[in-house]
Amino acid sequence: MKWASAISENNDLAAALEECAGQVTSTLGSDSPVTLAVVFASATYNDAAADVSRILGERFPGTMILGCSGAGIIGDAKEIEGQPAVALTVGHLPDVEAKPFRVVSDELPSPDEPPDAWSTLLGVSPEDKPHFIVLMDPFSMAGEEILSGLDYAFPSSVKVGGLASGSGLPGGHALFLGDEVYRDGAVGIALTGNIVVETVVAQGCRPIGELKRITKAERNLLIELDGERPLDYLKDMFSRLSPEDQNLVGNNLFLGIAMDPQLELEEVNAGDFLIRNLIGTDQENGYVAIGEFLREGQLVQFHIRDASTSSEDLQRQLTRYMETAGQASPMGALMFQCNGRGKYLYGKENHDSDLFTEMLGSIPLGGFFCNGEIGQVSGTTYLHGYTSSFALFKAKQD
């Protein structure tokens, strides 16, 4: 298995693609034909999007092509924001099959259909032990529905990816699959065979206050925490925070939900939380509305986010990965980074990719800045915000 990644800032899309294709071909060598080509192109190129599949198809005949448009582009571990760029990340993957699929919302199986309906839709069997890279249009695809369906039908499979970005209009994003360009729905590949896909999900927050248990909730309404009204607890917690943390609470307060019901209080770690927005409060009753359905008995903790906490969380999650991933190093990686991170959050370029390279080494890394990031928490796949979600690729070990 070999990977290579390249990026070009050429204003001409065709020239940028040729530059990237030449770089990755030189890196891989003539004896390593490309199995998979993952391409991300700035949304500013959208009028010429058809050139992507045509040019790459000519340069890499028989190669599976997957990609989309983005507000920011990542290639060769370099992040380009606010200007045209194309990134190409390719893999020479012996004994690996990349099976393509294309889905629109009205084709999704209903919740009462069996898992086989998903296998039929995607043309993939759970017995093949597939891992999925999924790219979606944010305007036309029911993201949570497809992710819950994939978990239902393929519970042991990794799912990772992101929502295309860079356009504020329906039909303004491009999804690349094979020799086609789509403007809606979702595209993806199922990777089967001699490949391992591992993930890192960094949601960019740190906990404040105490770990609490939900004692009363209705749908997404948080009514009681350990018998106390949530707003009463928040006011007390706020009074005990440092002035710096108090300043963050106003616009950067979130709820972390421990998604593994088997975890006890002392077993919960930072990576076990699903981070969700607070979307409203009921001052009279002391309730808090959360951007996720809640269940009584769940362990939760409030969180805050800023540049330093986001950086620390990414370092923590990468360290956790290194401690548990075994001796074999990844051969290539993709990063799906929120368009609210990058320069907007850190005030400088390349923060997440630089930290990744600093900690894991010079692994070919490509990706894009997303409208939403796909990643797993405690074995369940979610659509995140303000997150960096990584897919790391290895060959299976005998």
Protein backbone atom coordinates (compact mmCIF):
# COMPACT_ATOMS: atom_id res chain seq x y z
CA MET A 1 0.00 0.00 0.00
CA LYS A 2 1.24 3.46 -0.95
CA TRP A 3 -0.34 6.90 -0.73
CA ALA A 4 0.57 10.30 -2.10
CA SER A 5 -0.97 13.77 -1.79
CA ALA A 6 -0.50 17.01 -3.72
CA ILE A 7 -2.03 20.47 -3.85
CA SER A 8 -2.04 23.24 -6.45
CA GLU A 9 -3.09 26.88 -6.20
CA ASN A 10 -3.23 27.41 -9.95
CA ASN A 11 -6.23 29.57 -10.90
CA ASP A 12 -6.87 27.34 -13.92
CA LEU A 13 -8.60 24.12 -12.83
CA ALA A 14 -7.24 21.97 -15.65
CA ALA A 15 -3.69 23.15 -15.02
CA ALA A 16 -4.09 22.59 -11.26
CA LEU A 17 -5.30 19.03 -11.82
CA GLU A 18 -2.39 18.30 -14.16
CA GLU A 19 0.08 19.66 -11.61
CA CYS A 20 -1.37 17.47 -8.84
CA ALA A 21 -1.52 14.40 -11.06
CA GLY A 22 2.12 14.84 -12.01
CA GLN A 23 3.22 15.21 -8.39
CA VAL A 24 1.42 12.13 -7.08
CA THR A 25 2.53 10.03 -10.05
CA SER A 26 6.14 11.00 -9.39
CA THR A 27 5.77 10.13 -5.70
CA LEU A 28 4.15 6.73 -6.25
CA GLY A 29 6.33 5.65 -9.15
CA SER A 30 5.40 3.82 -12.32
CA ASP A 31 5.20 0.44 -10.59
CA SER A 32 2.35 1.54 -8.27
CA PRO A 33 -0.86 2.13 -10.27
CA VAL A 34 -3.49 4.27 -8.57
CA THR A 35 -6.50 2.40 -7.15
CA LEU A 36 -8.31 5.38 -5.62
CA ALA A 37 -8.11 9.11 -6.35
CA VAL A 38 -9.73 11.48 -3.84
CA VAL A 39 -10.02 15.03 -5.15
CA PHE A 40 -11.19 18.23 -3.50
CA ALA A 41 -11.54 21.46 -5.48
CA SER A 42 -12.45 24.99 -4.43
CA ALA A 43 -16.06 25.93 -5.11
CA THR A 44 -14.75 28.83 -7.20
CA TYR A 45 -13.97 26.26 -9.92
CA ASN A 46 -17.57 25.03 -10.05
CA ASP A 47 -18.26 26.19 -13.60
CA ALA A 48 -15.49 23.87 -14.79
CA ALA A 49 -16.28 20.98 -12.43
CA ALA A 50 -16.79 18.53 -15.30
CA ASP A 51 -13.07 18.82 -16.04
CA VAL A 52 -12.22 17.05 -12.78
CA SER A 53 -13.46 13.59 -13.69
CA ARG A 54 -12.42 13.97 -17.34
CA ILE A 55 -8.82 14.94 -16.65
CA LEU A 56 -8.29 12.50 -13.80
CA GLY A 57 -9.93 9.73 -15.82
CA GLU A 58 -7.45 10.36 -18.61
CA ARG A 59 -4.48 10.49 -16.26
CA PHE A 60 -5.52 7.45 -14.19
CA PRO A 61 -7.56 5.06 -16.39
CA GLY A 62 -9.63 2.56 -14.43
CA THR A 63 -9.13 4.43 -11.15
CA MET A 64 -12.07 5.11 -8.83
CA ILE A 65 -12.50 8.88 -8.42
CA LEU A 66 -14.24 10.42 -5.40
CA GLY A 67 -14.44 14.00 -4.20
CA CYS A 68 -16.34 17.26 -3.85
CA SER A 69 -16.05 21.03 -3.78
CA GLY A 70 -14.94 22.85 -0.65
CA ALA A 71 -14.57 26.28 0.90
CA GLY A 72 -11.01 25.37 1.82
CA ILE A 73 -8.76 22.64 0.48
CA ILE A 74 -6.17 20.41 2.15
CA GLY A 75 -3.44 18.55 0.30
CA ASP A 76 0.10 17.40 1.02
CA ALA A 77 -0.61 18.42 4.66
CA LYS A 78 -1.17 22.04 3.59
CA GLU A 79 -4.39 24.02 4.12
CA ILE A 80 -5.52 26.62 1.57
CA GLU A 81 -8.39 28.91 2.59
CA GLY A 82 -10.06 31.76 0.74
CA GLN A 83 -8.42 31.20 -2.63
CA PRO A 84 -8.63 28.62 -5.44
CA ALA A 85 -6.90 25.30 -4.84
CA VAL A 86 -7.14 21.65 -5.86
CA ALA A 87 -5.92 18.74 -3.73
CA LEU A 88 -5.43 15.19 -4.96
CA THR A 89 -4.78 12.29 -2.61
CA VAL A 90 -4.27 8.90 -4.22
CA GLY A 91 -3.76 5.37 -3.03
CA HIS A 92 -2.08 2.33 -4.58
CA LEU A 93 -4.12 -0.30 -2.75
CA PRO A 94 -3.30 -3.91 -3.66
CA ASP A 95 -6.14 -6.36 -2.98
CA VAL A 96 -8.54 -3.52 -2.13
CA GLU A 97 -11.79 -2.79 -3.94
CA ALA A 98 -13.37 0.68 -3.91
CA LYS A 99 -17.08 0.19 -4.63
CA PRO A 100 -18.90 3.42 -5.57
CA PHE A 101 -22.40 4.41 -4.55
CA ARG A 102 -24.69 7.34 -5.24
CA VAL A 103 -27.78 8.10 -3.13
CA VAL A 104 -30.51 10.77 -3.03
CA SER A 105 -32.80 11.37 -0.06
CA ASP A 106 -35.99 9.88 -1.52
CA GLU A 107 -34.18 6.58 -2.15
CA LEU A 108 -33.30 6.01 1.50
CA PRO A 109 -34.95 2.94 3.07
CA SER A 110 -37.62 3.67 5.66
CA PRO A 111 -36.80 2.95 9.32
CA ASP A 112 -38.99 -0.17 9.34
CA GLU A 113 -37.16 -1.83 6.43
CA PRO A 114 -34.58 -4.54 7.18
CA PRO A 115 -30.79 -3.96 6.96
CA ASP A 116 -30.78 -5.79 3.63
CA ALA A 117 -32.50 -2.76 2.08
CA TRP A 118 -29.35 -0.74 2.69
CA SER A 119 -27.15 -3.48 1.26
CA THR A 120 -29.29 -3.51 -1.87
CA LEU A 121 -29.23 0.28 -2.18
CA LEU A 122 -25.44 0.50 -1.91
CA GLY A 123 -24.57 -2.76 -3.62
CA VAL A 124 -22.44 -3.82 -0.65
CA SER A 125 -22.82 -6.75 1.75
CA PRO A 126 -21.95 -6.58 5.47
CA GLU A 127 -20.08 -9.86 4.95
CA ASP A 128 -17.55 -7.90 2.87
CA LYS A 129 -16.68 -5.87 6.02
CA PRO A 130 -16.73 -2.54 4.16
CA HIS A 131 -15.56 0.84 5.40
CA PHE A 132 -17.24 3.95 4.03
CA ILE A 133 -16.14 7.39 2.87
CA VAL A 134 -19.26 9.52 2.40
CA LEU A 135 -19.56 13.00 0.86
CA MET A 136 -22.86 14.87 0.87
CA ASP A 137 -24.53 17.99 -0.46
CA PRO A 138 -25.72 19.99 2.59
CA PHE A 139 -28.88 21.31 0.92
CA SER A 140 -30.43 18.12 -0.45
CA MET A 141 -29.28 15.17 1.66
CA ALA A 142 -30.77 13.96 4.95
CA GLY A 143 -27.38 13.47 6.57
CA GLU A 144 -28.42 11.98 9.90
CA GLU A 145 -30.75 9.53 8.13
CA ILE A 146 -28.09 8.05 5.91
CA LEU A 147 -25.59 7.80 8.77
CA SER A 148 -28.04 6.06 11.10
CA GLY A 149 -28.97 3.73 8.23
CA LEU A 150 -25.34 2.85 7.60
CA ASP A 151 -24.86 2.13 11.31
CA TYR A 152 -28.00 -0.02 11.29
CA ALA A 153 -26.94 -2.11 8.30
CA PHE A 154 -23.16 -2.07 8.81
CA PRO A 155 -22.62 -1.73 12.58
CA SER A 156 -18.97 -2.83 12.55
CA SER A 157 -17.95 -0.60 9.62
CA VAL A 158 -16.12 2.71 9.86
CA LYS A 159 -17.92 5.71 8.35
CA VAL A 160 -16.13 9.01 7.75
CA GLY A 161 -16.49 12.00 5.45
CA GLY A 162 -18.05 15.43 5.24
CA LEU A 163 -20.55 17.82 3.70
CA ALA A 164 -19.48 19.80 0.64
CA SER A 165 -18.95 23.51 1.25
CA GLY A 166 -18.21 26.80 -0.44
CA SER A 167 -21.61 27.69 -1.93
CA GLY A 168 -24.63 29.23 -0.27
CA LEU A 169 -27.05 28.06 -2.95
CA PRO A 170 -28.76 24.72 -3.65
CA GLY A 171 -27.04 23.10 -6.60
CA GLY A 172 -23.90 25.12 -5.99
CA HIS A 173 -21.76 22.23 -4.77
CA ALA A 174 -20.12 19.53 -6.87
CA LEU A 175 -19.85 15.86 -5.91
CA PHE A 176 -17.42 13.75 -7.94
CA LEU A 177 -17.86 10.01 -8.40
CA GLY A 178 -16.24 8.04 -11.20
CA ASP A 179 -16.76 9.98 -14.42
CA GLU A 180 -19.85 11.85 -13.14
CA VAL A 181 -20.46 15.18 -11.40
CA TYR A 182 -23.56 15.49 -9.21
CA ARG A 183 -25.15 18.57 -7.66
CA ASP A 184 -27.26 16.90 -4.98
CA GLY A 185 -27.54 13.85 -2.74
CA ALA A 186 -24.55 11.86 -1.55
CA VAL A 187 -21.69 9.94 -3.11
CA GLY A 188 -19.27 7.56 -1.52
CA ILE A 189 -17.15 4.48 -1.70
CA ALA A 190 -17.10 1.25 0.26
CA LEU A 191 -13.55 0.01 0.78
CA THR A 192 -13.21 -3.76 1.10
CA GLY A 193 -10.33 -6.20 1.14
CA ASN A 194 -6.82 -5.62 2.44
CA ILE A 195 -7.40 -2.31 4.20
CA VAL A 196 -7.86 -1.03 7.74
CA VAL A 197 -9.52 2.35 8.32
CA GLU A 198 -8.98 3.98 11.70
CA THR A 199 -10.46 7.28 12.83
CA VAL A 200 -9.73 10.25 15.04
CA VAL A 201 -12.53 12.68 15.91
CA ALA A 202 -11.55 15.95 17.61
CA GLN A 203 -14.56 18.08 18.54
CA GLY A 204 -12.47 20.92 19.91
CA CYS A 205 -13.95 21.33 23.39
CA ARG A 206 -12.98 20.83 27.01
CA PRO A 207 -15.31 20.06 29.91
CA ILE A 208 -16.23 22.50 32.65
CA GLY A 209 -18.13 21.89 35.87
CA GLU A 210 -19.05 18.39 36.95
CA LEU A 211 -20.16 15.23 35.19
CA LYS A 212 -23.93 14.98 35.77
CA ARG A 213 -26.65 12.44 35.09
CA ILE A 214 -29.88 13.33 33.27
CA THR A 215 -32.77 12.55 35.62
CA LYS A 216 -35.50 14.01 33.42
CA ALA A 217 -35.64 14.81 29.70
CA GLU A 218 -38.18 15.01 26.89
CA ARG A 219 -36.89 14.70 23.33
CA ASN A 220 -34.20 17.40 23.12
CA LEU A 221 -35.32 19.22 26.28
CA LEU A 222 -33.03 18.91 29.31
CA ILE A 223 -35.30 19.18 32.36
CA GLU A 224 -33.30 17.81 35.32
CA LEU A 225 -29.66 17.07 36.12
CA ASP A 226 -29.31 14.94 39.25
CA GLY A 227 -32.69 16.30 40.36
CA GLU A 228 -31.68 19.95 39.81
CA ARG A 229 -32.98 22.38 37.20
CA PRO A 230 -30.29 22.76 34.51
CA LEU A 231 -30.34 26.57 34.56
CA ASP A 232 -29.89 26.57 38.34
CA TYR A 233 -26.90 24.28 37.96
CA LEU A 234 -25.48 26.44 35.15
CA LYS A 235 -25.72 29.60 37.25
CA ASP A 236 -23.94 27.94 40.16
CA MET A 237 -21.29 26.43 37.89
CA PHE A 238 -20.71 29.81 36.19
CA SER A 239 -20.04 31.47 39.54
CA ARG A 240 -17.21 28.99 40.18
CA LEU A 241 -15.45 29.41 36.81
CA SER A 242 -12.34 31.47 36.20
CA PRO A 243 -12.89 34.89 34.58
CA GLU A 244 -11.39 33.52 31.34
CA ASP A 245 -13.84 30.63 31.22
CA GLN A 246 -16.74 32.89 32.14
CA ASN A 247 -15.95 34.99 29.06
CA LEU A 248 -16.16 31.89 26.87
CA VAL A 249 -19.50 30.69 28.21
CA GLY A 250 -21.52 33.43 26.52
CA ASN A 251 -21.07 32.24 22.94
CA ASN A 252 -19.15 28.99 23.24
CA LEU A 253 -21.11 26.79 25.66
CA PHE A 254 -22.02 23.25 24.61
CA LEU A 255 -23.26 20.03 26.16
CA GLY A 256 -21.16 16.89 25.99
CA ILE A 257 -23.22 13.69 26.03
CA ALA A 258 -21.52 10.41 26.95
CA MET A 259 -22.93 8.13 24.25
CA ASP A 260 -21.84 4.76 25.67
CA PRO A 261 -24.54 3.73 28.18
CA GLN A 262 -22.17 1.19 29.75
CA LEU A 263 -19.74 3.82 31.03
CA GLU A 264 -19.68 4.66 34.70
CA LEU A 265 -18.82 8.11 36.05
CA GLU A 266 -15.16 7.33 36.63
CA GLU A 267 -14.75 5.76 33.17
CA VAL A 268 -15.78 8.72 31.00
CA ASN A 269 -12.98 10.34 28.97
CA ALA A 270 -13.00 13.43 26.77
CA GLY A 271 -13.33 11.39 23.57
CA ASP A 272 -16.49 9.68 24.82
CA PHE A 273 -18.63 12.84 24.53
CA LEU A 274 -20.81 13.84 21.62
CA ILE A 275 -20.71 17.66 21.59
CA ARG A 276 -23.97 19.42 20.80
CA ASN A 277 -25.15 23.05 20.76
CA LEU A 278 -27.40 24.66 23.33
CA ILE A 279 -30.24 26.05 21.22
CA GLY A 280 -32.48 27.73 23.81
CA THR A 281 -33.55 28.09 27.44
CA ASP A 282 -36.80 28.30 29.38
CA GLN A 283 -36.05 30.86 32.08
CA GLU A 284 -39.32 30.26 33.94
CA ASN A 285 -38.94 26.48 34.25
CA GLY A 286 -35.15 26.27 34.16
CA TYR A 287 -35.01 23.98 31.11
CA VAL A 288 -32.34 23.92 28.40
CA ALA A 289 -32.93 22.84 24.79
CA ILE A 290 -30.10 20.85 23.19
CA GLY A 291 -29.35 20.04 19.54
CA GLU A 292 -29.75 16.30 20.14
CA PHE A 293 -32.38 13.95 21.55
CA LEU A 294 -31.66 13.09 25.18
CA ARG A 295 -32.38 10.08 27.37
CA GLU A 296 -32.80 9.83 31.11
CA GLY A 297 -29.77 8.19 32.69
CA GLN A 298 -27.24 9.64 30.24
CA LEU A 299 -24.08 11.18 31.66
CA VAL A 300 -23.46 14.74 30.46
CA GLN A 301 -21.05 17.60 31.08
CA PHE A 302 -21.01 21.17 29.82
CA HIS A 303 -18.12 22.16 27.55
CA ILE A 304 -16.50 25.31 26.17
CA ARG A 305 -14.50 25.93 23.01
CA ASP A 306 -11.82 28.36 21.86
CA ALA A 307 -8.58 28.13 19.89
CA SER A 308 -6.49 26.77 22.75
CA THR A 309 -9.07 24.18 23.86
CA SER A 310 -9.51 23.07 20.25
CA SER A 311 -5.77 22.63 19.82
CA GLU A 312 -5.46 20.78 23.12
CA ASP A 313 -8.33 18.47 22.22
CA LEU A 314 -6.81 17.57 18.85
CA GLN A 315 -3.50 16.83 20.54
CA ARG A 316 -5.31 14.73 23.14
CA GLN A 317 -7.23 12.71 20.54
CA LEU A 318 -4.12 12.13 18.40
CA THR A 319 -2.22 11.00 21.49
CA ARG A 320 -5.05 8.64 22.36
CA TYR A 321 -4.91 7.25 18.82
CA MET A 322 -1.15 6.71 18.99
CA GLU A 323 -1.49 4.86 22.28
CA THR A 324 -4.11 2.44 20.96
CA ALA A 325 -3.39 2.05 17.24
CA GLY A 326 -0.66 -0.58 17.39
CA GLN A 327 2.81 -0.57 15.86
CA ALA A 328 1.94 -0.25 12.16
CA SER A 329 1.94 3.38 11.01
CA PRO A 330 -0.80 4.73 8.72
CA MET A 331 0.22 4.95 5.07
CA GLY A 332 -2.19 7.75 4.17
CA ALA A 333 -4.93 9.90 5.70
CA LEU A 334 -7.88 12.16 4.92
CA MET A 335 -8.96 15.08 7.12
CA PHE A 336 -12.49 16.49 7.14
CA GLN A 337 -12.17 19.81 8.96
CA CYS A 338 -14.96 22.23 9.84
CA ASN A 339 -14.85 25.50 7.94
CA GLY A 340 -15.19 27.18 11.36
CA ARG A 341 -11.72 25.98 12.30
CA GLY A 342 -8.59 26.93 10.33
CA LYS A 343 -7.63 30.61 10.22
CA TYR A 344 -11.06 31.62 11.53
CA LEU A 345 -10.44 29.83 14.83
CA TYR A 346 -6.67 29.76 15.23
CA GLY A 347 -5.66 32.99 13.51
CA LYS A 348 -3.07 31.13 11.42
CA GLU A 349 -2.91 28.61 8.61
CA ASN A 350 -2.26 24.87 8.76
CA HIS A 351 -2.83 24.41 12.49
CA ASP A 352 -4.56 21.02 12.41
CA SER A 353 -2.48 19.59 9.56
CA ASP A 354 0.76 20.81 11.18
CA LEU A 355 -0.18 19.21 14.50
CA PHE A 356 -1.11 15.97 12.73
CA THR A 357 2.28 15.87 10.97
CA GLU A 358 4.16 16.85 14.12
CA MET A 359 2.63 13.98 16.08
CA LEU A 360 2.21 11.23 13.47
CA GLY A 361 4.94 12.06 10.97
CA SER A 362 4.94 12.87 7.26
CA ILE A 363 1.92 10.82 6.25
CA PRO A 364 0.28 11.87 2.95
CA LEU A 365 -2.71 13.93 4.11
CA GLY A 366 -5.52 15.43 2.04
CA GLY A 367 -9.00 16.74 2.75
CA PHE A 368 -11.21 19.81 2.78
CA PHE A 369 -13.05 22.28 5.00
CA CYS A 370 -16.60 20.99 5.46
CA ASN A 371 -20.12 22.20 6.16
CA GLY A 372 -20.39 19.28 8.59
CA GLU A 373 -18.05 16.45 9.50
CA ILE A 374 -18.84 12.74 9.69
CA GLY A 375 -17.24 10.76 12.49
CA GLN A 376 -17.87 8.12 15.11
CA VAL A 377 -18.20 8.57 18.87
CA SER A 378 -18.43 5.43 21.01
CA GLY A 379 -19.12 3.33 17.91
CA THR A 380 -22.01 5.43 16.56
CA THR A 381 -21.70 7.76 13.56
CA TYR A 382 -22.75 11.40 13.85
CA LEU A 383 -22.74 14.59 11.85
CA HIS A 384 -20.59 17.08 13.75
CA GLY A 385 -19.74 20.76 13.69
CA TYR A 386 -16.47 22.54 14.57
CA THR A 387 -14.73 19.16 14.32
CA SER A 388 -11.72 17.63 12.60
CA SER A 389 -12.47 14.05 11.61
CA PHE A 390 -9.60 11.93 10.27
CA ALA A 391 -9.52 8.64 8.37
CA LEU A 392 -6.19 6.81 8.58
CA PHE A 393 -5.42 3.95 6.20
CA LYS A 394 -3.30 0.84 6.72
CA ALA A 395 -2.95 -2.58 5.16
CA LYS A 396 -4.14 -5.47 7.28
CA GLN A 397 -1.47 -7.21 9.35
CA ASP A 398 -1.04 -10.97 9.01
